[in-house]
Amino acid sequence: MELGGLILAIAVVTDSTADLGQEQAREKGITVVPLTVSFGTDSYQDGEDITADKFYELLTSSDIFPTTSQPSVGAFAEVYRLLSESHDAIISLHISAKVSGTYASAIQAKSEIGDVGCQIEVIDTLQASMSLGLIALGVADSVLSGASLKEATDLAENMAGRASVYAMMETLEYLHRGGRIGKAQFLLGSLLKTCPILTFTDGVVEPVDRPRTRVRGIRRLVEIVQNHAPLTSVSVLSSTDEEGALDLASRLVDICPTGGPIMARIGPTLGAHVGPGALGVAFVSERSP
């Protein structure tokens, strides 16, 4: 943005649950603050010192179930202070506060650093994975095109209301081990051998469907995307099933905006809950739900 000859630089920040690739974030000028994933006493920064391949290898081979934790207040404060040295404003976009303390850490960091001569807007998108990632990409594009902080903030909030993510899991084991579902639900799902599809509704994870086979599950994901068209952006997600992701993407080409869907990997933080074999779609509809 340019005002009276003065160029106002706006930094875009998000967290690693957005599942943006490093090169993708770098190209758009997005700073990604990592969450932490731990296997016992071994802790890793999501997307920085553990790759998705290494994480899923550990997930399927280790007797220790991983735990995840939000970035510390100090981590956010350090990022904000650093960016304030070269920017006039920061817009910080994060995973739903109803499922993670990440937003709370960011808010506290903003309060603690006080007046650093840089306006900071922290937004709870009520989203996760690439529904958050697509918002961050859209906001970054608007900033690169000269949007003001208010325009970027308004866009983020508007996109958050039109964004969705749906994930189909191969097994309920990881949701059960992580304490996200009870034993009865786990046993019933295992008995029926379903491939549950989950989504975020008002920032909370909720079940959508329980197709009996993976083929039906993929068909259902395509149907869901079709029902939300027309779309401004689309992403296909996978934890370990690259072939399945490419198949799903091929079925969405005609529904997607020019360029086709953005391919993304479900990172360690969310991968700890959805497990290997998960597939999903994220998109931003042109119309509000």
Protein backbone atom coordinates (compact mmCIF):
# COMPACT_ATOMS: atom_id res chain seq x y z
CA MET A 1 0.00 0.00 0.00
CA GLU A 2 1.24 3.51 -0.78
CA LEU A 3 0.01 6.55 1.12
CA GLY A 4 1.33 10.04 0.40
CA GLY A 5 4.49 8.62 -1.08
CA LEU A 6 5.11 6.44 2.01
CA ILE A 7 5.13 2.70 1.35
CA LEU A 8 3.42 0.72 4.11
CA ALA A 9 4.66 -2.87 4.30
CA ILE A 10 2.28 -5.47 5.72
CA ALA A 11 3.56 -8.84 6.95
CA VAL A 12 1.38 -11.95 6.78
CA VAL A 13 1.84 -14.55 9.54
CA THR A 14 0.18 -17.93 10.04
CA ASP A 15 0.96 -21.16 11.89
CA SER A 16 2.10 -24.57 10.69
CA THR A 17 -1.39 -26.09 10.90
CA ALA A 18 -2.06 -24.19 7.65
CA ASP A 19 -0.07 -26.97 5.90
CA LEU A 20 1.62 -24.54 3.52
CA GLY A 21 4.79 -25.79 1.84
CA GLN A 22 7.97 -23.91 2.74
CA GLU A 23 8.57 -22.73 -0.82
CA GLN A 24 4.91 -21.78 -1.20
CA ALA A 25 5.02 -19.63 1.96
CA ARG A 26 8.35 -18.08 1.02
CA GLU A 27 7.13 -17.15 -2.46
CA LYS A 28 4.14 -15.28 -0.99
CA GLY A 29 6.12 -13.72 1.86
CA ILE A 30 4.19 -15.60 4.56
CA THR A 31 5.90 -16.21 7.92
CA VAL A 32 4.91 -19.58 9.42
CA VAL A 33 5.17 -20.05 13.19
CA PRO A 34 5.59 -23.77 13.96
CA LEU A 35 3.68 -25.83 16.47
CA THR A 36 5.56 -28.55 18.33
CA VAL A 37 5.05 -32.29 17.96
CA SER A 38 6.60 -34.61 20.55
CA PHE A 39 7.24 -38.34 20.77
CA GLY A 40 7.97 -38.75 24.46
CA THR A 41 10.99 -36.58 25.25
CA ASP A 42 11.83 -35.97 21.60
CA SER A 43 10.28 -32.72 20.37
CA TYR A 44 10.22 -31.31 16.85
CA GLN A 45 9.17 -28.03 15.29
CA ASP A 46 6.44 -28.81 12.77
CA GLY A 47 7.75 -28.19 9.25
CA GLU A 48 11.19 -27.09 10.40
CA ASP A 49 13.13 -29.98 11.91
CA ILE A 50 10.86 -32.88 11.04
CA THR A 51 9.56 -33.70 7.57
CA ALA A 52 6.13 -35.15 6.91
CA ASP A 53 7.74 -38.38 5.70
CA LYS A 54 9.77 -38.74 8.90
CA PHE A 55 6.76 -37.90 11.05
CA TYR A 56 4.50 -40.55 9.48
CA GLU A 57 7.32 -43.08 9.70
CA LEU A 58 7.56 -42.40 13.44
CA LEU A 59 3.77 -42.35 13.82
CA THR A 60 3.37 -45.84 12.41
CA SER A 61 6.46 -47.40 14.00
CA SER A 62 6.71 -45.82 17.45
CA ASP A 63 5.01 -47.24 20.54
CA ILE A 64 4.71 -43.66 21.80
CA PHE A 65 1.74 -41.64 20.59
CA PRO A 66 2.73 -38.07 19.66
CA THR A 67 1.46 -35.00 21.46
CA THR A 68 1.20 -31.53 19.96
CA SER A 69 1.44 -28.08 21.52
CA GLN A 70 0.89 -24.53 20.34
CA PRO A 71 3.74 -22.06 19.79
CA SER A 72 4.79 -20.27 22.95
CA VAL A 73 3.94 -16.65 23.61
CA GLY A 74 7.67 -15.96 23.36
CA ALA A 75 7.86 -17.52 19.89
CA PHE A 76 5.12 -15.24 18.60
CA ALA A 77 6.61 -12.20 20.36
CA GLU A 78 9.97 -12.86 18.71
CA VAL A 79 8.36 -13.12 15.26
CA TYR A 80 6.31 -9.94 15.78
CA ARG A 81 9.30 -7.94 17.01
CA LEU A 82 11.45 -9.07 14.09
CA LEU A 83 8.78 -8.29 11.51
CA SER A 84 8.03 -4.91 13.11
CA GLU A 85 11.56 -3.79 12.22
CA SER A 86 10.76 -3.94 8.50
CA HIS A 87 6.96 -3.67 8.39
CA ASP A 88 4.35 -1.14 9.40
CA ALA A 89 1.65 -3.71 10.10
CA ILE A 90 1.18 -7.45 10.69
CA ILE A 91 -1.86 -9.63 10.01
CA SER A 92 -1.64 -12.92 11.88
CA LEU A 93 -4.02 -15.72 10.80
CA HIS A 94 -4.52 -18.83 12.92
CA ILE A 95 -6.18 -22.18 13.50
CA SER A 96 -9.51 -22.22 15.31
CA ALA A 97 -9.15 -21.21 18.95
CA LYS A 98 -11.72 -23.89 19.78
CA VAL A 99 -9.24 -26.67 19.01
CA SER A 100 -5.85 -25.07 19.74
CA GLY A 101 -4.27 -22.51 22.05
CA THR A 102 -2.31 -21.01 19.14
CA TYR A 103 -4.58 -17.98 18.74
CA ALA A 104 -4.42 -17.31 22.49
CA SER A 105 -0.61 -17.38 22.39
CA ALA A 106 -0.61 -14.90 19.51
CA ILE A 107 -3.02 -12.56 21.30
CA GLN A 108 -0.93 -12.64 24.48
CA ALA A 109 2.26 -12.00 22.50
CA LYS A 110 0.67 -8.96 20.88
CA SER A 111 -0.25 -7.65 24.33
CA GLU A 112 3.16 -8.34 25.85
CA ILE A 113 5.29 -6.64 23.20
CA GLY A 114 3.25 -3.44 23.51
CA ASP A 115 3.85 -0.53 21.17
CA VAL A 116 6.54 -1.44 18.67
CA GLY A 117 5.39 1.06 16.07
CA CYS A 118 3.65 -1.70 14.12
CA GLN A 119 -0.08 -2.41 14.14
CA ILE A 120 -0.86 -6.09 14.67
CA GLU A 121 -4.16 -7.78 13.79
CA VAL A 122 -4.61 -11.35 15.09
CA ILE A 123 -7.47 -13.34 13.56
CA ASP A 124 -9.09 -16.60 14.63
CA THR A 125 -10.13 -18.03 11.27
CA LEU A 126 -12.10 -20.93 12.83
CA GLN A 127 -10.34 -23.07 10.22
CA ALA A 128 -7.41 -25.50 9.99
CA SER A 129 -5.14 -27.14 7.43
CA MET A 130 -5.46 -25.75 3.91
CA SER A 131 -8.73 -23.94 4.57
CA LEU A 132 -6.48 -21.76 6.75
CA GLY A 133 -3.71 -22.01 4.17
CA LEU A 134 -5.94 -20.78 1.34
CA ILE A 135 -6.96 -17.78 3.47
CA ALA A 136 -3.31 -16.97 4.14
CA LEU A 137 -2.48 -17.24 0.43
CA GLY A 138 -5.43 -15.03 -0.53
CA VAL A 139 -4.50 -12.39 2.04
CA ALA A 140 -0.84 -12.49 0.97
CA ASP A 141 -1.86 -11.94 -2.66
CA SER A 142 -3.99 -8.97 -1.65
CA VAL A 143 -1.11 -7.45 0.31
CA LEU A 144 1.26 -7.95 -2.61
CA SER A 145 -1.31 -6.17 -4.78
CA GLY A 146 -1.34 -3.17 -2.46
CA ALA A 147 -4.20 -3.84 -0.05
CA SER A 148 -4.35 -1.82 3.17
CA LEU A 149 -4.36 -3.54 6.56
CA LYS A 150 -8.11 -2.99 6.87
CA GLU A 151 -8.72 -4.36 3.38
CA ALA A 152 -6.54 -7.42 4.15
CA THR A 153 -8.28 -7.96 7.49
CA ASP A 154 -11.73 -7.65 5.94
CA LEU A 155 -10.71 -10.12 3.23
CA ALA A 156 -9.41 -12.62 5.79
CA GLU A 157 -12.64 -12.51 7.77
CA ASN A 158 -14.72 -12.76 4.62
CA MET A 159 -12.72 -15.71 3.28
CA ALA A 160 -12.90 -17.45 6.67
CA GLY A 161 -16.68 -17.41 6.36
CA ARG A 162 -16.52 -19.02 2.90
CA ALA A 163 -13.74 -21.54 3.57
CA SER A 164 -14.19 -25.25 4.32
CA VAL A 165 -12.05 -28.32 4.85
CA TYR A 166 -13.16 -31.96 4.74
CA ALA A 167 -10.92 -34.89 5.64
CA MET A 168 -11.51 -38.60 5.09
CA MET A 169 -9.58 -40.94 7.37
CA GLU A 170 -8.52 -44.47 6.68
CA THR A 171 -8.82 -45.39 10.35
CA LEU A 172 -10.20 -43.99 13.61
CA GLU A 173 -7.21 -45.32 15.53
CA TYR A 174 -5.35 -42.02 15.76
CA LEU A 175 -8.39 -40.00 16.80
CA HIS A 176 -9.02 -42.62 19.47
CA ARG A 177 -5.41 -42.71 20.69
CA GLY A 178 -5.36 -38.93 20.82
CA GLY A 179 -8.47 -38.91 23.00
CA ARG A 180 -10.65 -37.22 20.35
CA ILE A 181 -13.27 -39.99 20.29
CA GLY A 182 -14.39 -42.50 22.91
CA LYS A 183 -13.86 -46.24 22.92
CA ALA A 184 -17.47 -46.96 21.87
CA GLN A 185 -17.17 -44.77 18.75
CA PHE A 186 -13.80 -46.32 17.94
CA LEU A 187 -15.09 -49.90 18.28
CA LEU A 188 -18.22 -49.15 16.24
CA GLY A 189 -16.22 -47.47 13.47
CA SER A 190 -13.72 -50.33 13.40
CA LEU A 191 -16.50 -52.92 13.32
CA LEU A 192 -18.27 -51.21 10.43
CA LYS A 193 -14.94 -50.48 8.70
CA THR A 194 -16.06 -46.99 7.74
CA CYS A 195 -13.96 -44.20 6.28
CA PRO A 196 -15.24 -41.23 8.33
CA ILE A 197 -15.31 -37.75 6.82
CA LEU A 198 -14.90 -34.82 9.21
CA THR A 199 -15.14 -31.06 8.77
CA PHE A 200 -14.92 -27.85 10.80
CA THR A 201 -18.25 -26.28 11.72
CA ASP A 202 -17.97 -22.96 13.53
CA GLY A 203 -14.41 -23.87 14.47
CA VAL A 204 -15.22 -27.30 15.90
CA VAL A 205 -14.53 -30.72 14.35
CA GLU A 206 -17.72 -32.54 13.44
CA PRO A 207 -18.54 -35.75 11.50
CA VAL A 208 -20.13 -35.41 8.08
CA ASP A 209 -20.48 -38.92 6.73
CA ARG A 210 -19.25 -42.49 7.17
CA PRO A 211 -18.88 -44.06 3.74
CA ARG A 212 -18.27 -47.81 3.92
CA THR A 213 -15.43 -47.86 1.39
CA ARG A 214 -12.59 -45.60 0.33
CA VAL A 215 -13.96 -45.41 -3.21
CA ARG A 216 -17.29 -44.15 -1.90
CA GLY A 217 -15.44 -41.74 0.37
CA ILE A 218 -13.56 -40.17 -2.52
CA ARG A 219 -16.80 -39.93 -4.48
CA ARG A 220 -18.38 -38.18 -1.48
CA LEU A 221 -15.53 -35.67 -1.24
CA VAL A 222 -15.99 -34.78 -4.92
CA GLU A 223 -19.74 -34.40 -4.36
CA ILE A 224 -19.11 -32.06 -1.42
CA VAL A 225 -16.85 -29.83 -3.51
CA GLN A 226 -19.38 -29.78 -6.34
CA ASN A 227 -22.12 -28.73 -3.91
CA HIS A 228 -20.09 -25.66 -2.88
CA ALA A 229 -19.21 -24.47 -6.39
CA PRO A 230 -18.42 -21.97 -7.80
CA LEU A 231 -15.08 -21.76 -6.01
CA THR A 232 -12.28 -19.20 -5.80
CA SER A 233 -9.60 -21.70 -4.71
CA VAL A 234 -9.27 -25.43 -4.05
CA SER A 235 -6.67 -27.68 -2.44
CA VAL A 236 -6.33 -31.45 -2.24
CA LEU A 237 -4.75 -32.81 0.94
CA SER A 238 -3.08 -36.09 1.80
CA SER A 239 -1.08 -37.52 4.65
CA THR A 240 0.64 -40.46 2.93
CA ASP A 241 -1.52 -41.43 -0.05
CA GLU A 242 -0.03 -39.41 -2.91
CA GLU A 243 -1.63 -41.63 -5.55
CA GLY A 244 -5.05 -41.19 -3.98
CA ALA A 245 -4.55 -37.43 -3.82
CA LEU A 246 -3.69 -37.28 -7.52
CA ASP A 247 -6.75 -39.36 -8.34
CA LEU A 248 -8.94 -37.04 -6.26
CA ALA A 249 -7.39 -33.98 -7.87
CA SER A 250 -8.08 -35.34 -11.36
CA ARG A 251 -11.78 -35.60 -10.48
CA LEU A 252 -11.87 -31.95 -9.42
CA VAL A 253 -10.17 -30.32 -12.40
CA ASP A 254 -13.42 -29.27 -14.05
CA ILE A 255 -14.72 -27.74 -10.80
CA CYS A 256 -11.55 -25.83 -9.92
CA PRO A 257 -10.56 -22.32 -10.95
CA THR A 258 -7.87 -22.05 -13.64
CA GLY A 259 -4.75 -23.94 -12.68
CA GLY A 260 -6.45 -26.81 -10.88
CA PRO A 261 -6.26 -27.69 -7.18
CA ILE A 262 -3.27 -26.86 -5.01
CA MET A 263 -1.68 -30.08 -3.79
CA ALA A 264 -0.81 -30.05 -0.08
CA ARG A 265 0.55 -32.41 2.55
CA ILE A 266 -1.15 -32.81 5.91
CA GLY A 267 1.65 -31.93 8.30
CA PRO A 268 2.65 -33.47 11.64
CA THR A 269 0.36 -31.42 13.90
CA LEU A 270 -2.86 -32.47 12.20
CA GLY A 271 -1.40 -35.74 10.97
CA ALA A 272 -1.17 -36.92 14.58
CA HIS A 273 -4.98 -37.00 14.62
CA VAL A 274 -5.93 -38.07 11.10
CA GLY A 275 -3.14 -40.62 10.66
CA PRO A 276 -1.70 -42.18 7.49
CA GLY A 277 -3.93 -42.71 4.46
CA ALA A 278 -5.99 -39.57 5.06
CA LEU A 279 -7.29 -37.58 2.09
CA GLY A 280 -9.09 -34.28 2.07
CA VAL A 281 -10.23 -31.19 0.27
CA ALA A 282 -10.14 -27.55 1.25
CA PHE A 283 -11.76 -24.75 -0.70
CA VAL A 284 -13.10 -21.23 -0.61
CA SER A 285 -16.54 -20.82 -2.15
CA GLU A 286 -17.55 -17.71 -4.04
CA ARG A 287 -20.68 -17.62 -1.90
CA SER A 288 -21.14 -17.71 1.85
CA PRO A 289 -22.60 -20.89 3.35
